[in-house]
C-alpha atoms as a PDB file:
ATOM      1  CA  MET A   1     -10.658 -13.593  17.472  1.00  0.00           C
ATOM      2  CA  PRO A   2     -11.354 -11.054  14.691  1.00  0.00           C
ATOM      3  CA  LEU A   3     -13.114  -7.875  15.710  1.00  0.00           C
ATOM      4  CA  LEU A   4     -14.937  -7.713  12.357  1.00  0.00           C
ATOM      5  CA  GLU A   5     -15.469 -10.699  10.098  1.00  0.00           C
ATOM      6  CA  PHE A   6     -17.236 -11.091   6.755  1.00  0.00           C
ATOM      7  CA  GLU A   7     -18.044 -14.692   5.866  1.00  0.00           C
ATOM      8  CA  ASN A   8     -18.847 -15.114   2.169  1.00  0.00           C
ATOM      9  CA  VAL A   9     -21.018 -11.985   2.190  1.00  0.00           C
ATOM     10  CA  SER A  10     -23.095 -10.957  -0.816  1.00  0.00           C
ATOM     11  CA  LYS A  11     -25.417  -7.980  -1.142  1.00  0.00           C
ATOM     12  CA  THR A  12     -28.011  -7.465  -3.848  1.00  0.00           C
ATOM     13  CA  PHE A  13     -30.155  -4.359  -4.270  1.00  0.00           C
ATOM     14  CA  ASN A  14     -33.529  -4.570  -6.000  1.00  0.00           C
ATOM     15  CA  PRO A  15     -34.286  -1.263  -7.788  1.00  0.00           C
ATOM     16  CA  ARG A  16     -38.063  -1.845  -7.417  1.00  0.00           C
ATOM     17  CA  ARG A  17     -37.914  -1.947  -3.635  1.00  0.00           C
ATOM     18  CA  GLY A  18     -37.121   0.665  -1.055  1.00  0.00           C
ATOM     19  CA  VAL A  19     -38.504   4.079  -0.211  1.00  0.00           C
ATOM     20  CA  PHE A  20     -38.347   5.286  -3.821  1.00  0.00           C
ATOM     21  CA  PRO A  21     -38.766   2.167  -5.990  1.00  0.00           C
ATOM     22  CA  ALA A  22     -38.003   2.345  -9.682  1.00  0.00           C
ATOM     23  CA  PRO A  23     -41.011   2.814 -12.000  1.00  0.00           C
ATOM     24  CA  ALA A  24     -42.513  -0.262 -13.604  1.00  0.00           C
ATOM     25  CA  ALA A  25     -41.017   0.670 -16.970  1.00  0.00           C
ATOM     26  CA  ALA A  26     -37.510   0.713 -15.507  1.00  0.00           C
ATOM     27  CA  THR A  27     -35.253  -2.306 -15.528  1.00  0.00           C
ATOM     28  CA  SER A  28     -35.955  -4.872 -12.826  1.00  0.00           C
ATOM     29  CA  VAL A  29     -32.469  -6.329 -12.932  1.00  0.00           C
ATOM     30  CA  ALA A  30     -31.059  -6.606  -9.404  1.00  0.00           C
ATOM     31  CA  ILE A  31     -27.772  -4.855  -8.631  1.00  0.00           C
ATOM     32  CA  GLN A  32     -25.074  -7.110  -7.205  1.00  0.00           C
ATOM     33  CA  ALA A  33     -23.067  -4.778  -4.956  1.00  0.00           C
ATOM     34  CA  LEU A  34     -21.001  -7.472  -3.198  1.00  0.00           C
ATOM     35  CA  SER A  35     -20.353 -11.075  -4.148  1.00  0.00           C
ATOM     36  CA  GLY A  36     -18.819 -13.634  -1.836  1.00  0.00           C
ATOM     37  CA  VAL A  37     -16.672 -11.225   0.177  1.00  0.00           C
ATOM     38  CA  SER A  38     -14.671 -12.707   3.041  1.00  0.00           C
ATOM     39  CA  LEU A  39     -12.349 -10.623   5.224  1.00  0.00           C
ATOM     40  CA  SER A  40     -11.399 -10.081   8.832  1.00  0.00           C
ATOM     41  CA  ILE A  41      -9.997  -7.217  10.878  1.00  0.00           C
ATOM     42  CA  LEU A  42      -8.188  -8.047  14.097  1.00  0.00           C
ATOM     43  CA  PRO A  43      -8.169  -5.829  17.199  1.00  0.00           C
ATOM     44  CA  GLY A  44      -5.755  -2.957  16.624  1.00  0.00           C
ATOM     45  CA  GLN A  45      -5.393  -3.705  12.901  1.00  0.00           C
ATOM     46  CA  SER A  46      -5.736  -1.117  10.130  1.00  0.00           C
ATOM     47  CA  MET A  47      -7.171  -2.135   6.761  1.00  0.00           C
ATOM     48  CA  GLY A  48      -7.487  -0.127   3.584  1.00  0.00           C
ATOM     49  CA  VAL A  49     -10.160  -0.767   0.966  1.00  0.00           C
ATOM     50  CA  ILE A  50      -9.550   0.542  -2.544  1.00  0.00           C
ATOM     51  CA  GLY A  51     -11.303   0.293  -5.891  1.00  0.00           C
ATOM     52  CA  GLU A  52     -13.086   2.458  -8.410  1.00  0.00           C
ATOM     53  CA  SER A  53     -16.531   3.975  -7.838  1.00  0.00           C
ATOM     54  CA  GLY A  54     -19.125   1.219  -7.870  1.00  0.00           C
ATOM     55  CA  ALA A  55     -16.700  -1.421  -6.630  1.00  0.00           C
ATOM     56  CA  GLY A  56     -18.771  -2.023  -3.492  1.00  0.00           C
ATOM     57  CA  LYS A  57     -16.631  -0.151  -0.952  1.00  0.00           C
ATOM     58  CA  THR A  58     -19.419   1.922   0.606  1.00  0.00           C
ATOM     59  CA  THR A  59     -21.742  -1.102   0.704  1.00  0.00           C
ATOM     60  CA  LEU A  60     -18.989  -2.907   2.594  1.00  0.00           C
ATOM     61  CA  ALA A  61     -18.855  -0.043   5.105  1.00  0.00           C
ATOM     62  CA  ALA A  62     -22.646   0.028   5.505  1.00  0.00           C
ATOM     63  CA  LEU A  63     -22.741  -3.710   6.223  1.00  0.00           C
ATOM     64  CA  ALA A  64     -19.919  -3.435   8.750  1.00  0.00           C
ATOM     65  CA  ALA A  65     -21.701  -0.582  10.524  1.00  0.00           C
ATOM     66  CA  GLY A  66     -25.042  -2.422  10.543  1.00  0.00           C
ATOM     67  CA  LEU A  67     -26.746   0.098   8.248  1.00  0.00           C
ATOM     68  CA  ALA A  68     -27.534  -2.686   5.780  1.00  0.00           C
ATOM     69  CA  THR A  69     -27.981  -6.438   6.050  1.00  0.00           C
ATOM     70  CA  PRO A  70     -26.325  -9.001   3.781  1.00  0.00           C
ATOM     71  CA  SER A  71     -28.369 -10.889   1.221  1.00  0.00           C
ATOM     72  CA  SER A  72     -26.302 -13.944   2.080  1.00  0.00           C
ATOM     73  CA  GLY A  73     -23.334 -14.739   4.287  1.00  0.00           C
ATOM     74  CA  ARG A  74     -22.612 -13.424   7.767  1.00  0.00           C
ATOM     75  CA  VAL A  75     -21.140 -10.254   9.263  1.00  0.00           C
ATOM     76  CA  LEU A  76     -19.768 -10.896  12.761  1.00  0.00           C
ATOM     77  CA  ILE A  77     -18.659  -8.447  15.459  1.00  0.00           C
ATOM     78  CA  ASN A  78     -16.430 -10.135  18.030  1.00  0.00           C
ATOM     79  CA  GLY A  79     -17.767 -13.465  16.796  1.00  0.00           C
ATOM     80  CA  GLN A  80     -21.423 -12.466  17.193  1.00  0.00           C
ATOM     81  CA  ARG A  81     -24.029 -11.892  14.529  1.00  0.00           C
ATOM     82  CA  LEU A  82     -25.978  -8.817  15.579  1.00  0.00           C
ATOM     83  CA  SER A  83     -29.539  -8.199  14.422  1.00  0.00           C
ATOM     84  CA  SER A  84     -31.071  -4.984  13.103  1.00  0.00           C
ATOM     85  CA  GLY A  85     -33.108  -4.575  16.298  1.00  0.00           C
ATOM     86  CA  ARG A  86     -32.721  -1.523  18.498  1.00  0.00           C
ATOM     87  CA  LYS A  87     -30.819  -3.303  21.254  1.00  0.00           C
ATOM     88  CA  ASP A  88     -28.282  -4.828  18.878  1.00  0.00           C
ATOM     89  CA  ARG A  89     -27.921  -1.553  16.966  1.00  0.00           C
ATOM     90  CA  ARG A  90     -26.925   0.126  20.203  1.00  0.00           C
ATOM     91  CA  ARG A  91     -24.505  -2.687  21.011  1.00  0.00           C
ATOM     92  CA  ARG A  92     -22.937  -2.346  17.566  1.00  0.00           C
ATOM     93  CA  ALA A  93     -22.616   1.424  17.964  1.00  0.00           C
ATOM     94  CA  ARG A  94     -20.444   0.829  21.014  1.00  0.00           C
ATOM     95  CA  LYS A  95     -18.161  -1.342  18.879  1.00  0.00           C
ATOM     96  CA  VAL A  96     -18.243   0.205  15.398  1.00  0.00           C
ATOM     97  CA  GLN A  97     -18.504   3.821  14.276  1.00  0.00           C
ATOM     98  CA  LEU A  98     -18.625   5.179  10.730  1.00  0.00           C
ATOM     99  CA  VAL A  99     -17.265   8.523   9.526  1.00  0.00           C
ATOM    100  CA  TRP A 100     -19.068   9.409   6.295  1.00  0.00           C
ATOM    101  CA  GLN A 101     -17.433  11.003   3.275  1.00  0.00           C
ATOM    102  CA  ASP A 102     -19.849  13.969   3.364  1.00  0.00           C
ATOM    103  CA  THR A 103     -18.903  15.353   6.757  1.00  0.00           C
ATOM    104  CA  TYR A 104     -20.951  18.549   6.441  1.00  0.00           C
ATOM    105  CA  GLY A 105     -23.971  16.458   5.462  1.00  0.00           C
ATOM    106  CA  SER A 106     -23.510  14.167   8.468  1.00  0.00           C
ATOM    107  CA  VAL A 107     -23.929  16.940  11.052  1.00  0.00           C
ATOM    108  CA  ASP A 108     -26.915  19.117  11.914  1.00  0.00           C
ATOM    109  CA  PRO A 109     -25.992  22.666  10.798  1.00  0.00           C
ATOM    110  CA  ARG A 110     -28.122  24.085  13.623  1.00  0.00           C
ATOM    111  CA  MET A 111     -26.057  22.374  16.302  1.00  0.00           C
ATOM    112  CA  THR A 112     -22.902  23.731  17.887  1.00  0.00           C
ATOM    113  CA  VAL A 113     -19.704  21.706  17.999  1.00  0.00           C
ATOM    114  CA  GLU A 114     -20.393  20.972  21.662  1.00  0.00           C
ATOM    115  CA  LYS A 115     -23.857  19.557  20.904  1.00  0.00           C
ATOM    116  CA  ILE A 116     -22.583  17.549  17.933  1.00  0.00           C
ATOM    117  CA  ILE A 117     -19.977  15.769  20.049  1.00  0.00           C
ATOM    118  CA  ALA A 118     -22.460  15.352  22.908  1.00  0.00           C
ATOM    119  CA  GLU A 119     -25.039  13.674  20.659  1.00  0.00           C
ATOM    120  CA  PRO A 120     -23.844  10.048  21.136  1.00  0.00           C
ATOM    121  CA  PHE A 121     -23.830  10.517  24.915  1.00  0.00           C
ATOM    122  CA  ARG A 122     -27.417  11.801  24.760  1.00  0.00           C
ATOM    123  CA  ILE A 123     -28.666   9.023  22.470  1.00  0.00           C
ATOM    124  CA  HIS A 124     -27.172   6.332  24.708  1.00  0.00           C
ATOM    125  CA  GLY A 125     -28.286   7.970  27.955  1.00  0.00           C
ATOM    126  CA  LEU A 126     -24.735   8.741  29.050  1.00  0.00           C
ATOM    127  CA  ASP A 127     -25.200  12.482  29.508  1.00  0.00           C
ATOM    128  CA  LYS A 128     -26.818  12.354  32.934  1.00  0.00           C
ATOM    129  CA  GLY A 129     -23.748  12.232  35.129  1.00  0.00           C
ATOM    130  CA  GLN A 130     -21.156  14.810  36.005  1.00  0.00           C
ATOM    131  CA  GLY A 131     -18.190  15.578  33.808  1.00  0.00           C
ATOM    132  CA  ILE A 132     -19.865  15.398  30.389  1.00  0.00           C
ATOM    133  CA  GLY A 133     -18.390  18.771  29.520  1.00  0.00           C
ATOM    134  CA  GLN A 134     -14.919  17.508  30.405  1.00  0.00           C
ATOM    135  CA  GLN A 135     -15.398  14.459  28.193  1.00  0.00           C
ATOM    136  CA  ILE A 136     -16.436  16.652  25.267  1.00  0.00           C
ATOM    137  CA  SER A 137     -13.415  18.909  25.765  1.00  0.00           C
ATOM    138  CA  ARG A 138     -11.131  15.881  25.994  1.00  0.00           C
ATOM    139  CA  LEU A 139     -12.470  14.480  22.734  1.00  0.00           C
ATOM    140  CA  LEU A 140     -12.071  17.832  20.987  1.00  0.00           C
ATOM    141  CA  ASN A 141      -8.500  18.148  22.195  1.00  0.00           C
ATOM    142  CA  GLU A 142      -7.783  14.549  21.228  1.00  0.00           C
ATOM    143  CA  VAL A 143      -8.502  15.351  17.582  1.00  0.00           C
ATOM    144  CA  GLY A 144      -6.336  18.470  17.724  1.00  0.00           C
ATOM    145  CA  LEU A 145      -8.962  21.184  18.089  1.00  0.00           C
ATOM    146  CA  SER A 146      -9.309  23.994  20.618  1.00  0.00           C
ATOM    147  CA  ASN A 147     -12.142  24.362  23.118  1.00  0.00           C
ATOM    148  CA  ASP A 148     -12.681  27.795  21.560  1.00  0.00           C
ATOM    149  CA  LEU A 149     -14.633  25.997  18.815  1.00  0.00           C
ATOM    150  CA  LEU A 150     -17.254  24.504  21.133  1.00  0.00           C
ATOM    151  CA  ALA A 151     -19.802  27.276  20.567  1.00  0.00           C
ATOM    152  CA  ARG A 152     -19.345  27.414  16.789  1.00  0.00           C
ATOM    153  CA  HIS A 153     -21.558  25.899  14.097  1.00  0.00           C
ATOM    154  CA  PRO A 154     -20.341  23.732  11.187  1.00  0.00           C
ATOM    155  CA  HIS A 155     -20.519  26.570   8.643  1.00  0.00           C
ATOM    156  CA  GLN A 156     -18.029  28.512  10.782  1.00  0.00           C
ATOM    157  CA  LEU A 157     -15.398  25.781  10.468  1.00  0.00           C
ATOM    158  CA  SER A 158     -13.051  24.659   7.722  1.00  0.00           C
ATOM    159  CA  GLY A 159     -13.511  21.311   6.014  1.00  0.00           C
ATOM    160  CA  GLY A 160     -10.632  19.839   7.991  1.00  0.00           C
ATOM    161  CA  GLU A 161     -12.075  21.098  11.276  1.00  0.00           C
ATOM    162  CA  VAL A 162     -15.504  19.619  10.547  1.00  0.00           C
ATOM    163  CA  GLN A 163     -13.825  16.317   9.696  1.00  0.00           C
ATOM    164  CA  ARG A 164     -12.105  16.324  13.102  1.00  0.00           C
ATOM    165  CA  VAL A 165     -15.348  17.188  14.893  1.00  0.00           C
ATOM    166  CA  VAL A 166     -17.057  14.231  13.217  1.00  0.00           C
ATOM    167  CA  ILE A 167     -14.171  11.963  14.229  1.00  0.00           C
ATOM    168  CA  ALA A 168     -14.456  13.246  17.815  1.00  0.00           C
ATOM    169  CA  ARG A 169     -18.177  12.420  17.782  1.00  0.00           C
ATOM    170  CA  ALA A 170     -17.403   8.929  16.452  1.00  0.00           C
ATOM    171  CA  LEU A 171     -14.939   8.355  19.290  1.00  0.00           C
ATOM    172  CA  ALA A 172     -17.377   9.419  22.025  1.00  0.00           C
ATOM    173  CA  LEU A 173     -18.613   5.874  22.718  1.00  0.00           C
ATOM    174  CA  ASP A 174     -15.058   4.522  22.745  1.00  0.00           C
ATOM    175  CA  PRO A 175     -15.545   2.183  19.744  1.00  0.00           C
ATOM    176  CA  GLU A 176     -13.175  -0.635  18.856  1.00  0.00           C
ATOM    177  CA  LEU A 177     -13.457  -0.107  15.075  1.00  0.00           C
ATOM    178  CA  LEU A 178     -13.550   3.219  13.225  1.00  0.00           C
ATOM    179  CA  ILE A 179     -14.619   3.103   9.573  1.00  0.00           C
ATOM    180  CA  CYS A 180     -13.618   6.112   7.474  1.00  0.00           C
ATOM    181  CA  ASP A 181     -15.297   6.401   4.059  1.00  0.00           C
ATOM    182  CA  GLU A 182     -13.159   8.619   1.796  1.00  0.00           C
ATOM    183  CA  PRO A 183     -11.963  10.665   4.784  1.00  0.00           C
ATOM    184  CA  ALA A 184      -9.829  13.082   2.753  1.00  0.00           C
ATOM    185  CA  ALA A 185     -11.897  13.435  -0.409  1.00  0.00           C
ATOM    186  CA  ALA A 186     -12.472  17.190  -0.060  1.00  0.00           C
ATOM    187  CA  LEU A 187      -9.214  18.149   1.690  1.00  0.00           C
ATOM    188  CA  ASP A 188      -6.109  19.858   0.342  1.00  0.00           C
ATOM    189  CA  ALA A 189      -2.731  18.110   0.425  1.00  0.00           C
ATOM    190  CA  ARG A 190      -1.556  19.640   3.707  1.00  0.00           C
ATOM    191  CA  THR A 191      -4.823  18.944   5.550  1.00  0.00           C
ATOM    192  CA  LYS A 192      -4.861  15.428   4.105  1.00  0.00           C
ATOM    193  CA  LEU A 193      -1.419  14.735   5.581  1.00  0.00           C
ATOM    194  CA  GLN A 194      -2.526  16.108   8.950  1.00  0.00           C
ATOM    195  CA  LEU A 195      -5.598  13.861   8.871  1.00  0.00           C
ATOM    196  CA  ALA A 196      -3.457  10.815   8.087  1.00  0.00           C
ATOM    197  CA  GLU A 197      -1.184  11.603  11.021  1.00  0.00           C
ATOM    198  CA  LEU A 198      -4.217  12.090  13.285  1.00  0.00           C
ATOM    199  CA  LEU A 199      -5.708   8.702  12.383  1.00  0.00           C
ATOM    200  CA  VAL A 200      -2.382   6.919  12.838  1.00  0.00           C
ATOM    201  CA  GLY A 201      -1.955   8.612  16.224  1.00  0.00           C
ATOM    202  CA  LEU A 202      -5.493   7.763  17.348  1.00  0.00           C
ATOM    203  CA  GLN A 203      -5.073   4.149  16.340  1.00  0.00           C
ATOM    204  CA  SER A 204      -1.874   3.865  18.342  1.00  0.00           C
ATOM    205  CA  ALA A 205      -3.154   5.707  21.425  1.00  0.00           C
ATOM    206  CA  ARG A 206      -6.559   4.021  21.567  1.00  0.00           C
ATOM    207  CA  LYS A 207      -5.542   0.608  20.154  1.00  0.00           C
ATOM    208  CA  LEU A 208      -8.232   1.184  17.534  1.00  0.00           C
ATOM    209  CA  SER A 209      -8.977  -0.961  14.542  1.00  0.00           C
ATOM    210  CA  LEU A 210      -9.363   1.076  11.364  1.00  0.00           C
ATOM    211  CA  MET A 211     -11.057   0.476   8.035  1.00  0.00           C
ATOM    212  CA  VAL A 212     -10.121   3.227   5.581  1.00  0.00           C
ATOM    213  CA  ILE A 213     -12.060   3.308   2.307  1.00  0.00           C
ATOM    214  CA  ALA A 214     -10.469   5.554  -0.284  1.00  0.00           C
ATOM    215  CA  HIS A 215      -9.419   6.164  -3.865  1.00  0.00           C
ATOM    216  CA  ASP A 216      -6.299   7.877  -2.536  1.00  0.00           C
ATOM    217  CA  LEU A 217      -3.527   5.250  -2.585  1.00  0.00           C
ATOM    218  CA  PRO A 218      -0.861   7.391  -0.854  1.00  0.00           C
ATOM    219  CA  LEU A 219      -3.296   8.122   1.982  1.00  0.00           C
ATOM    220  CA  VAL A 220      -4.188   4.448   2.369  1.00  0.00           C
ATOM    221  CA  ARG A 221      -0.516   3.528   2.321  1.00  0.00           C
ATOM    222  CA  LYS A 222       0.265   6.063   5.030  1.00  0.00           C
ATOM    223  CA  ILE A 223      -2.505   4.902   7.374  1.00  0.00           C
ATOM    224  CA  THR A 224      -3.038   1.171   6.891  1.00  0.00           C
ATOM    225  CA  GLY A 225      -1.075  -2.018   7.343  1.00  0.00           C
ATOM    226  CA  GLU A 226      -3.366  -4.337   5.340  1.00  0.00           C
ATOM    227  CA  LEU A 227      -5.137  -3.699   2.052  1.00  0.00           C
ATOM    228  CA  ILE A 228      -7.925  -5.255   0.007  1.00  0.00           C
ATOM    229  CA  VAL A 229      -8.674  -4.360  -3.596  1.00  0.00           C
ATOM    230  CA  MET A 230     -12.276  -4.519  -4.788  1.00  0.00           C
ATOM    231  CA  TYR A 231     -13.583  -4.758  -8.332  1.00  0.00           C
ATOM    232  CA  ARG A 232     -17.293  -5.054  -9.127  1.00  0.00           C
ATOM    233  CA  GLY A 233     -18.141  -6.296  -5.664  1.00  0.00           C
ATOM    234  CA  VAL A 234     -15.383  -8.878  -5.457  1.00  0.00           C
ATOM    235  CA  VAL A 235     -12.088  -8.827  -3.549  1.00  0.00           C
ATOM    236  CA  VAL A 236      -9.477  -9.416  -6.265  1.00  0.00           C
ATOM    237  CA  GLU A 237      -6.311  -8.928  -4.191  1.00  0.00           C
ATOM    238  CA  SER A 238      -5.309  -8.565  -0.548  1.00  0.00           C
ATOM    239  CA  GLY A 239      -2.202  -8.458   1.605  1.00  0.00           C
ATOM    240  CA  PRO A 240       0.142  -6.049   3.382  1.00  0.00           C
ATOM    241  CA  THR A 241      -0.520  -2.543   2.074  1.00  0.00           C
ATOM    242  CA  ALA A 242       3.065  -1.814   1.017  1.00  0.00           C
ATOM    243  CA  SER A 243       3.371  -5.143  -0.803  1.00  0.00           C
ATOM    244  CA  VAL A 244       0.082  -4.782  -2.674  1.00  0.00           C
ATOM    245  CA  ILE A 245       0.923  -1.249  -3.816  1.00  0.00           C
ATOM    246  CA  ASP A 246       4.612  -1.836  -4.569  1.00  0.00           C
ATOM    247  CA  LYS A 247       4.184  -5.250  -6.207  1.00  0.00           C
ATOM    248  CA  PRO A 248       0.574  -5.592  -7.353  1.00  0.00           C
ATOM    249  CA  GLN A 249      -0.292  -9.043  -8.690  1.00  0.00           C
ATOM    250  CA  HIS A 250      -3.791  -8.633 -10.119  1.00  0.00           C
ATOM    251  CA  PRO A 251      -4.123  -6.719 -13.427  1.00  0.00           C
ATOM    252  CA  TYR A 252      -6.782  -4.451 -11.927  1.00  0.00           C
ATOM    253  CA  THR A 253      -4.524  -3.533  -8.978  1.00  0.00           C
ATOM    254  CA  GLN A 254      -1.689  -2.899 -11.430  1.00  0.00           C
ATOM    255  CA  LEU A 255      -3.969  -0.531 -13.343  1.00  0.00           C
ATOM    256  CA  LEU A 256      -4.972   1.369 -10.192  1.00  0.00           C
ATOM    257  CA  VAL A 257      -1.347   1.796  -9.121  1.00  0.00           C
ATOM    258  CA  SER A 258      -0.137   2.823 -12.573  1.00  0.00           C
ATOM    259  CA  CYS A 259      -2.861   5.480 -12.848  1.00  0.00           C
ATOM    260  CA  ASP A 260      -2.044   7.179  -9.525  1.00  0.00           C
ATOM    261  CA  PRO A 261       0.254  10.157 -10.233  1.00  0.00           C
ATOM    262  CA  PHE A 262       0.960  10.891  -6.566  1.00  0.00           C
ATOM    263  CA  LEU A 263       2.432   7.602  -5.362  1.00  0.00           C
ATOM    264  CA  LYS A 264       5.997   8.431  -6.328  1.00  0.00           C
ATOM    265  CA  MET A 265       5.905  12.200  -5.957  1.00  0.00           C
ATOM    266  CA  ALA A 266       8.514  13.621  -3.610  1.00  0.00           C
ATOM    267  CA  GLY A 267       6.886  14.725  -0.385  1.00  0.00           C
ATOM    268  CA  GLY A 268       3.768  12.654  -1.000  1.00  0.00           C
ATOM    269  CA  LEU A 269       2.141  10.391   1.540  1.00  0.00           C
ATOM    270  CA  THR A 270       4.452   7.525   0.650  1.00  0.00           C
ATOM    271  CA  ALA A 271       5.527   6.205   4.044  1.00  0.00           C
ATOM    272  CA  SER A 272       3.935   2.891   4.928  1.00  0.00           C
ATOM    273  CA  HIS A 273       2.158   2.544   8.261  1.00  0.00           C
ATOM    274  CA  GLN A 274       3.967   0.194  10.574  1.00  0.00           C
END
């Protein structure tokens, strides 16, 4: 059974609704973010999602994480359709965790590293027993960071360190699926490679499923075994990551591959994930 399944999912945003609706003079044309998307991720599988800005990648991630609801179609977690109610949101959080692109923006700058990683335990009432400190230290070490960082605040860390702290927080509830939205967008080449190796290692050790959303084709190739290509809210190509990148069939995929200067660079992230 798939861990995550999209069944003919579409998502439309109305610019005149929401917290800050568009003024009456603005266009009332609805925005079709996703259209008829079907996909599945099996337990332990890694999937990359690529496409230009506006292709619907982040909407896909929000639907998978339960932060948005589809306009039509179904999103299933382990074969179940979870509601937006509090109880189901908590159930989903135990299954699916999302690592946002803006890692500094996703943490409270007033909190220490220790409190950031402890936050999921507190929210889910799992911080009452003994050994919470040991669990936090274990998570920090699992992402390759020292316990010396526990008392520091986000502004005292590098971008790569904050990224690892956020990943540690996401792993606290022992999820089955980790969604990473542009995980290396603000990282240099060396830190990007280290992040790729970390995610591959975590997937293997924890038997995690991964969804990696990125513009970075070498990074996606390094981490994932399956790949989908999105264009204007539609999946235009899918298959094994190496095959899609090496022998793209759709003209849009061919354009993406031909425009990436790093795919064939010596020393780049060119090794396919097995």
